[in-house]
Amino acid sequence: TVTALYEIVPVGVKGDFPGHVDPLKY
């Protein structure tokens, strides 16, 4: 057996999760 796990941030969730960047300006 082989297992892989993904952590997912659903659309609409607000918060500063690690790696989150601000929206682009240009």
PDB file of all heavy atoms in Angstrom:
ATOM      1  N   THR A   1       0.848  -1.187   0.000  1.00  0.00           N
ATOM      2  CA  THR A   1       0.000   0.000   0.000  1.00  0.00           C
ATOM      3  C   THR A   1       0.885   1.239   0.000  1.00  0.00           C
ATOM      4  O   THR A   1       1.942   1.260   0.625  1.00  0.00           O
ATOM      5  CB  THR A   1      -0.936   0.054   1.229  1.00  0.00           C
ATOM      6  OG1 THR A   1      -0.147   0.085   2.429  1.00  0.00           O
ATOM      7  CG2 THR A   1      -1.872  -1.132   1.261  1.00  0.00           C
ATOM      8  N   VAL A   2       0.455   2.263  -0.723  1.00  0.00           N
ATOM      9  CA  VAL A   2       1.154   3.548  -0.765  1.00  0.00           C
ATOM     10  C   VAL A   2       0.132   4.640  -0.492  1.00  0.00           C
ATOM     11  O   VAL A   2      -0.966   4.629  -1.062  1.00  0.00           O
ATOM     12  CB  VAL A   2       1.823   3.787  -2.137  1.00  0.00           C
ATOM     13  CG1 VAL A   2       2.387   5.201  -2.215  1.00  0.00           C
ATOM     14  CG2 VAL A   2       2.931   2.777  -2.372  1.00  0.00           C
ATOM     15  N   THR A   3       0.482   5.566   0.382  1.00  0.00           N
ATOM     16  CA  THR A   3      -0.429   6.648   0.754  1.00  0.00           C
ATOM     17  C   THR A   3       0.226   7.995   0.487  1.00  0.00           C
ATOM     18  O   THR A   3       1.409   8.189   0.782  1.00  0.00           O
ATOM     19  CB  THR A   3      -0.816   6.554   2.234  1.00  0.00           C
ATOM     20  OG1 THR A   3      -1.530   5.335   2.461  1.00  0.00           O
ATOM     21  CG2 THR A   3      -1.683   7.727   2.651  1.00  0.00           C
ATOM     22  N   ALA A   4      -0.554   8.923  -0.061  1.00  0.00           N
ATOM     23  CA  ALA A   4      -0.121  10.316  -0.215  1.00  0.00           C
ATOM     24  C   ALA A   4      -1.186  11.209   0.394  1.00  0.00           C
ATOM     25  O   ALA A   4      -2.389  10.953   0.245  1.00  0.00           O
ATOM     26  CB  ALA A   4       0.092  10.655  -1.685  1.00  0.00           C
ATOM     27  N   LEU A   5      -0.752  12.253   1.083  1.00  0.00           N
ATOM     28  CA  LEU A   5      -1.666  13.203   1.716  1.00  0.00           C
ATOM     29  C   LEU A   5      -1.466  14.594   1.127  1.00  0.00           C
ATOM     30  O   LEU A   5      -0.328  15.051   0.940  1.00  0.00           O
ATOM     31  CB  LEU A   5      -1.431  13.267   3.227  1.00  0.00           C
ATOM     32  CG  LEU A   5      -1.701  12.012   4.058  1.00  0.00           C
ATOM     33  CD1 LEU A   5      -1.382  12.287   5.526  1.00  0.00           C
ATOM     34  CD2 LEU A   5      -3.145  11.556   3.907  1.00  0.00           C
ATOM     35  N   TYR A   6      -2.583  15.268   0.856  1.00  0.00           N
ATOM     36  CA  TYR A   6      -2.569  16.667   0.442  1.00  0.00           C
ATOM     37  C   TYR A   6      -3.357  17.493   1.453  1.00  0.00           C
ATOM     38  O   TYR A   6      -4.486  17.132   1.816  1.00  0.00           O
ATOM     39  CB  TYR A   6      -3.212  16.841  -0.931  1.00  0.00           C
ATOM     40  CG  TYR A   6      -2.343  16.448  -2.099  1.00  0.00           C
ATOM     41  CD1 TYR A   6      -2.413  15.158  -2.628  1.00  0.00           C
ATOM     42  CD2 TYR A   6      -1.471  17.362  -2.691  1.00  0.00           C
ATOM     43  CE1 TYR A   6      -1.631  14.793  -3.723  1.00  0.00           C
ATOM     44  CE2 TYR A   6      -0.686  17.000  -3.779  1.00  0.00           C
ATOM     45  CZ  TYR A   6      -0.772  15.718  -4.288  1.00  0.00           C
ATOM     46  OH  TYR A   6       0.010  15.361  -5.362  1.00  0.00           O
ATOM     47  N   GLU A   7      -2.783  18.594   1.897  1.00  0.00           N
ATOM     48  CA  GLU A   7      -3.528  19.574   2.683  1.00  0.00           C
ATOM     49  C   GLU A   7      -4.078  20.607   1.716  1.00  0.00           C
ATOM     50  O   GLU A   7      -3.344  21.154   0.881  1.00  0.00           O
ATOM     51  CB  GLU A   7      -2.650  20.245   3.728  1.00  0.00           C
ATOM     52  CG  GLU A   7      -3.416  21.207   4.614  1.00  0.00           C
ATOM     53  CD  GLU A   7      -2.574  21.802   5.736  1.00  0.00           C
ATOM     54  OE1 GLU A   7      -1.425  21.351   5.923  1.00  0.00           O
ATOM     55  OE2 GLU A   7      -3.068  22.739   6.419  1.00  0.00           O
ATOM     56  N   ILE A   8      -5.370  20.882   1.810  1.00  0.00           N
ATOM     57  CA  ILE A   8      -6.060  21.741   0.848  1.00  0.00           C
ATOM     58  C   ILE A   8      -6.697  22.924   1.563  1.00  0.00           C
ATOM     59  O   ILE A   8      -7.363  22.755   2.595  1.00  0.00           O
ATOM     60  CB  ILE A   8      -7.146  20.936   0.100  1.00  0.00           C
ATOM     61  CG1 ILE A   8      -6.484  19.849  -0.756  1.00  0.00           C
ATOM     62  CG2 ILE A   8      -8.011  21.844  -0.763  1.00  0.00           C
ATOM     63  CD1 ILE A   8      -7.470  18.883  -1.374  1.00  0.00           C
ATOM     64  N   VAL A   9      -6.487  24.120   1.004  1.00  0.00           N
ATOM     65  CA  VAL A   9      -7.179  25.320   1.485  1.00  0.00           C
ATOM     66  C   VAL A   9      -8.360  25.559   0.546  1.00  0.00           C
ATOM     67  O   VAL A   9      -8.165  25.902  -0.629  1.00  0.00           O
ATOM     68  CB  VAL A   9      -6.258  26.555   1.484  1.00  0.00           C
ATOM     69  CG1 VAL A   9      -7.000  27.766   2.057  1.00  0.00           C
ATOM     70  CG2 VAL A   9      -4.987  26.276   2.282  1.00  0.00           C
ATOM     71  N   PRO A  10      -9.588  25.355   1.007  1.00  0.00           N
ATOM     72  CA  PRO A  10     -10.752  25.528   0.124  1.00  0.00           C
ATOM     73  C   PRO A  10     -10.925  26.985  -0.303  1.00  0.00           C
ATOM     74  O   PRO A  10     -10.503  27.918   0.402  1.00  0.00           O
ATOM     75  CB  PRO A  10     -11.933  25.067   0.993  1.00  0.00           C
ATOM     76  CG  PRO A  10     -11.321  24.252   2.095  1.00  0.00           C
ATOM     77  CD  PRO A  10      -9.983  24.855   2.337  1.00  0.00           C
ATOM     78  N   VAL A  11     -11.527  27.185  -1.458  1.00  0.00           N
ATOM     79  CA  VAL A  11     -11.865  28.527  -1.917  1.00  0.00           C
ATOM     80  C   VAL A  11     -12.812  29.168  -0.909  1.00  0.00           C
ATOM     81  O   VAL A  11     -13.735  28.524  -0.405  1.00  0.00           O
ATOM     82  CB  VAL A  11     -12.513  28.464  -3.317  1.00  0.00           C
ATOM     83  CG1 VAL A  11     -13.161  29.802  -3.662  1.00  0.00           C
ATOM     84  CG2 VAL A  11     -11.475  28.092  -4.362  1.00  0.00           C
ATOM     85  N   GLY A  12     -12.562  30.432  -0.583  1.00  0.00           N
ATOM     86  CA  GLY A  12     -13.413  31.159   0.356  1.00  0.00           C
ATOM     87  C   GLY A  12     -12.883  31.211   1.768  1.00  0.00           C
ATOM     88  O   GLY A  12     -13.354  32.013   2.580  1.00  0.00           O
ATOM     89  N   VAL A  13     -11.896  30.362   2.083  1.00  0.00           N
ATOM     90  CA  VAL A  13     -11.300  30.382   3.420  1.00  0.00           C
ATOM     91  C   VAL A  13     -10.350  31.564   3.526  1.00  0.00           C
ATOM     92  O   VAL A  13      -9.456  31.746   2.693  1.00  0.00           O
ATOM     93  CB  VAL A  13     -10.537  29.072   3.709  1.00  0.00           C
ATOM     94  CG1 VAL A  13      -9.733  29.197   4.999  1.00  0.00           C
ATOM     95  CG2 VAL A  13     -11.518  27.916   3.806  1.00  0.00           C
ATOM     96  N   LYS A  14     -10.554  32.393   4.538  1.00  0.00           N
ATOM     97  CA  LYS A  14      -9.693  33.547   4.751  1.00  0.00           C
ATOM     98  C   LYS A  14      -8.696  33.235   5.864  1.00  0.00           C
ATOM     99  O   LYS A  14      -8.980  32.500   6.784  1.00  0.00           O
ATOM    100  CB  LYS A  14     -10.526  34.776   5.108  1.00  0.00           C
ATOM    101  CG  LYS A  14     -11.455  35.236   3.989  1.00  0.00           C
ATOM    102  CD  LYS A  14     -12.234  36.481   4.379  1.00  0.00           C
ATOM    103  CE  LYS A  14     -13.143  36.932   3.232  1.00  0.00           C
ATOM    104  NZ  LYS A  14     -13.914  38.159   3.584  1.00  0.00           N
ATOM    105  N   GLY A  15      -7.541  33.808   5.737  1.00  0.00           N
ATOM    106  CA  GLY A  15      -6.525  33.563   6.760  1.00  0.00           C
ATOM    107  C   GLY A  15      -5.158  33.490   6.121  1.00  0.00           C
ATOM    108  O   GLY A  15      -5.016  33.216   4.917  1.00  0.00           O
ATOM    109  N   ASP A  16      -4.152  33.787   6.903  1.00  0.00           N
ATOM    110  CA  ASP A  16      -2.780  33.785   6.411  1.00  0.00           C
ATOM    111  C   ASP A  16      -2.154  32.413   6.613  1.00  0.00           C
ATOM    112  O   ASP A  16      -1.418  32.188   7.566  1.00  0.00           O
ATOM    113  CB  ASP A  16      -1.958  34.862   7.143  1.00  0.00           C
ATOM    114  CG  ASP A  16      -2.460  36.257   6.835  1.00  0.00           C
ATOM    115  OD1 ASP A  16      -2.952  36.458   5.722  1.00  0.00           O
ATOM    116  OD2 ASP A  16      -2.359  37.138   7.713  1.00  0.00           O
ATOM    117  N   PHE A  17      -2.476  31.481   5.724  1.00  0.00           N
ATOM    118  CA  PHE A  17      -1.841  30.175   5.799  1.00  0.00           C
ATOM    119  C   PHE A  17      -0.392  30.318   5.316  1.00  0.00           C
ATOM    120  O   PHE A  17      -0.071  31.228   4.550  1.00  0.00           O
ATOM    121  CB  PHE A  17      -2.602  29.144   4.976  1.00  0.00           C
ATOM    122  CG  PHE A  17      -2.807  29.514   3.529  1.00  0.00           C
ATOM    123  CD1 PHE A  17      -1.841  29.231   2.570  1.00  0.00           C
ATOM    124  CD2 PHE A  17      -3.980  30.149   3.123  1.00  0.00           C
ATOM    125  CE1 PHE A  17      -2.026  29.562   1.246  1.00  0.00           C
ATOM    126  CE2 PHE A  17      -4.167  30.482   1.786  1.00  0.00           C
ATOM    127  CZ  PHE A  17      -3.194  30.193   0.852  1.00  0.00           C
ATOM    128  N   PRO A  18       0.500  29.445   5.764  1.00  0.00           N
ATOM    129  CA  PRO A  18       1.909  29.544   5.367  1.00  0.00           C
ATOM    130  C   PRO A  18       2.069  29.541   3.851  1.00  0.00           C
ATOM    131  O   PRO A  18       1.503  28.686   3.161  1.00  0.00           O
ATOM    132  CB  PRO A  18       2.544  28.285   5.985  1.00  0.00           C
ATOM    133  CG  PRO A  18       1.655  27.938   7.125  1.00  0.00           C
ATOM    134  CD  PRO A  18       0.275  28.323   6.686  1.00  0.00           C
ATOM    135  N   GLY A  19       2.795  30.523   3.332  1.00  0.00           N
ATOM    136  CA  GLY A  19       3.012  30.608   1.898  1.00  0.00           C
ATOM    137  C   GLY A  19       2.025  31.515   1.183  1.00  0.00           C
ATOM    138  O   GLY A  19       2.162  31.775  -0.011  1.00  0.00           O
ATOM    139  N   HIS A  20       1.044  32.028   1.897  1.00  0.00           N
ATOM    140  CA  HIS A  20       0.047  32.917   1.297  1.00  0.00           C
ATOM    141  C   HIS A  20       0.695  34.249   0.917  1.00  0.00           C
ATOM    142  O   HIS A  20       1.494  34.803   1.662  1.00  0.00           O
ATOM    143  CB  HIS A  20      -1.098  33.150   2.290  1.00  0.00           C
ATOM    144  CG  HIS A  20      -2.171  34.056   1.772  1.00  0.00           C
ATOM    145  ND1 HIS A  20      -2.201  35.402   2.058  1.00  0.00           N
ATOM    146  CD2 HIS A  20      -3.241  33.807   0.973  1.00  0.00           C
ATOM    147  CE1 HIS A  20      -3.254  35.955   1.474  1.00  0.00           C
ATOM    148  NE2 HIS A  20      -3.894  34.996   0.822  1.00  0.00           N
ATOM    149  N   VAL A  21       0.346  34.763  -0.282  1.00  0.00           N
ATOM    150  CA  VAL A  21       0.885  36.048  -0.735  1.00  0.00           C
ATOM    151  C   VAL A  21      -0.266  36.994  -1.033  1.00  0.00           C
ATOM    152  O   VAL A  21      -1.403  36.576  -1.284  1.00  0.00           O
ATOM    153  CB  VAL A  21       1.768  35.874  -1.995  1.00  0.00           C
ATOM    154  CG1 VAL A  21       2.990  35.036  -1.688  1.00  0.00           C
ATOM    155  CG2 VAL A  21       0.977  35.264  -3.145  1.00  0.00           C
ATOM    156  N   ASP A  22       0.051  38.281  -1.021  1.00  0.00           N
ATOM    157  CA  ASP A  22      -0.962  39.297  -1.311  1.00  0.00           C
ATOM    158  C   ASP A  22      -1.335  39.271  -2.792  1.00  0.00           C
ATOM    159  O   ASP A  22      -0.545  38.841  -3.643  1.00  0.00           O
ATOM    160  CB  ASP A  22      -0.431  40.687  -0.953  1.00  0.00           C
ATOM    161  CG  ASP A  22      -0.213  40.846   0.546  1.00  0.00           C
ATOM    162  OD1 ASP A  22      -0.917  40.148   1.306  1.00  0.00           O
ATOM    163  OD2 ASP A  22       0.656  41.642   0.940  1.00  0.00           O
ATOM    164  N   PRO A  23      -2.539  39.774  -3.131  1.00  0.00           N
ATOM    165  CA  PRO A  23      -2.943  39.846  -4.544  1.00  0.00           C
ATOM    166  C   PRO A  23      -1.981  40.737  -5.324  1.00  0.00           C
ATOM    167  O   PRO A  23      -1.393  41.689  -4.794  1.00  0.00           O
ATOM    168  CB  PRO A  23      -4.345  40.458  -4.471  1.00  0.00           C
ATOM    169  CG  PRO A  23      -4.821  40.173  -3.081  1.00  0.00           C
ATOM    170  CD  PRO A  23      -3.605  40.208  -2.228  1.00  0.00           C
ATOM    171  N   LEU A  24      -1.801  40.431  -6.612  1.00  0.00           N
ATOM    172  CA  LEU A  24      -0.924  41.219  -7.468  1.00  0.00           C
ATOM    173  C   LEU A  24      -1.553  42.577  -7.779  1.00  0.00           C
ATOM    174  O   LEU A  24      -2.778  42.712  -7.860  1.00  0.00           O
ATOM    175  CB  LEU A  24      -0.643  40.463  -8.766  1.00  0.00           C
ATOM    176  CG  LEU A  24       0.116  39.135  -8.621  1.00  0.00           C
ATOM    177  CD1 LEU A  24       0.287  38.485  -9.989  1.00  0.00           C
ATOM    178  CD2 LEU A  24       1.453  39.339  -7.950  1.00  0.00           C
ATOM    179  N   LYS A  25      -0.692  43.579  -7.975  1.00  0.00           N
ATOM    180  CA  LYS A  25      -1.148  44.943  -8.229  1.00  0.00           C
ATOM    181  C   LYS A  25      -1.343  45.208  -9.713  1.00  0.00           C
ATOM    182  O   LYS A  25      -2.256  45.917 -10.113  1.00  0.00           O
ATOM    183  CB  LYS A  25      -0.144  45.921  -7.646  1.00  0.00           C
ATOM    184  CG  LYS A  25      -0.509  47.392  -7.826  1.00  0.00           C
ATOM    185  CD  LYS A  25       0.528  48.292  -7.164  1.00  0.00           C
ATOM    186  CE  LYS A  25       0.157  49.766  -7.345  1.00  0.00           C
ATOM    187  NZ  LYS A  25       1.158  50.653  -6.706  1.00  0.00           N
ATOM    188  N   TYR A  26      -0.471  44.637 -10.554  1.00  0.00           N
ATOM    189  CA  TYR A  26      -0.439  45.016 -11.963  1.00  0.00           C
ATOM    190  C   TYR A  26      -1.020  43.974 -12.917  1.00  0.00           C
ATOM    191  O   TYR A  26      -1.006  44.168 -14.122  1.00  0.00           O
ATOM    192  CB  TYR A  26       1.004  45.330 -12.385  1.00  0.00           C
ATOM    193  CG  TYR A  26       1.597  46.469 -11.588  1.00  0.00           C
ATOM    194  CD1 TYR A  26       2.587  46.226 -10.652  1.00  0.00           C
ATOM    195  CD2 TYR A  26       1.125  47.774 -11.753  1.00  0.00           C
ATOM    196  CE1 TYR A  26       3.129  47.263  -9.912  1.00  0.00           C
ATOM    197  CE2 TYR A  26       1.656  48.811 -11.007  1.00  0.00           C
ATOM    198  CZ  TYR A  26       2.664  48.560 -10.086  1.00  0.00           C
ATOM    199  OH  TYR A  26       3.171  49.584  -9.347  1.00  0.00           O
TER     200      TYR A  26
END
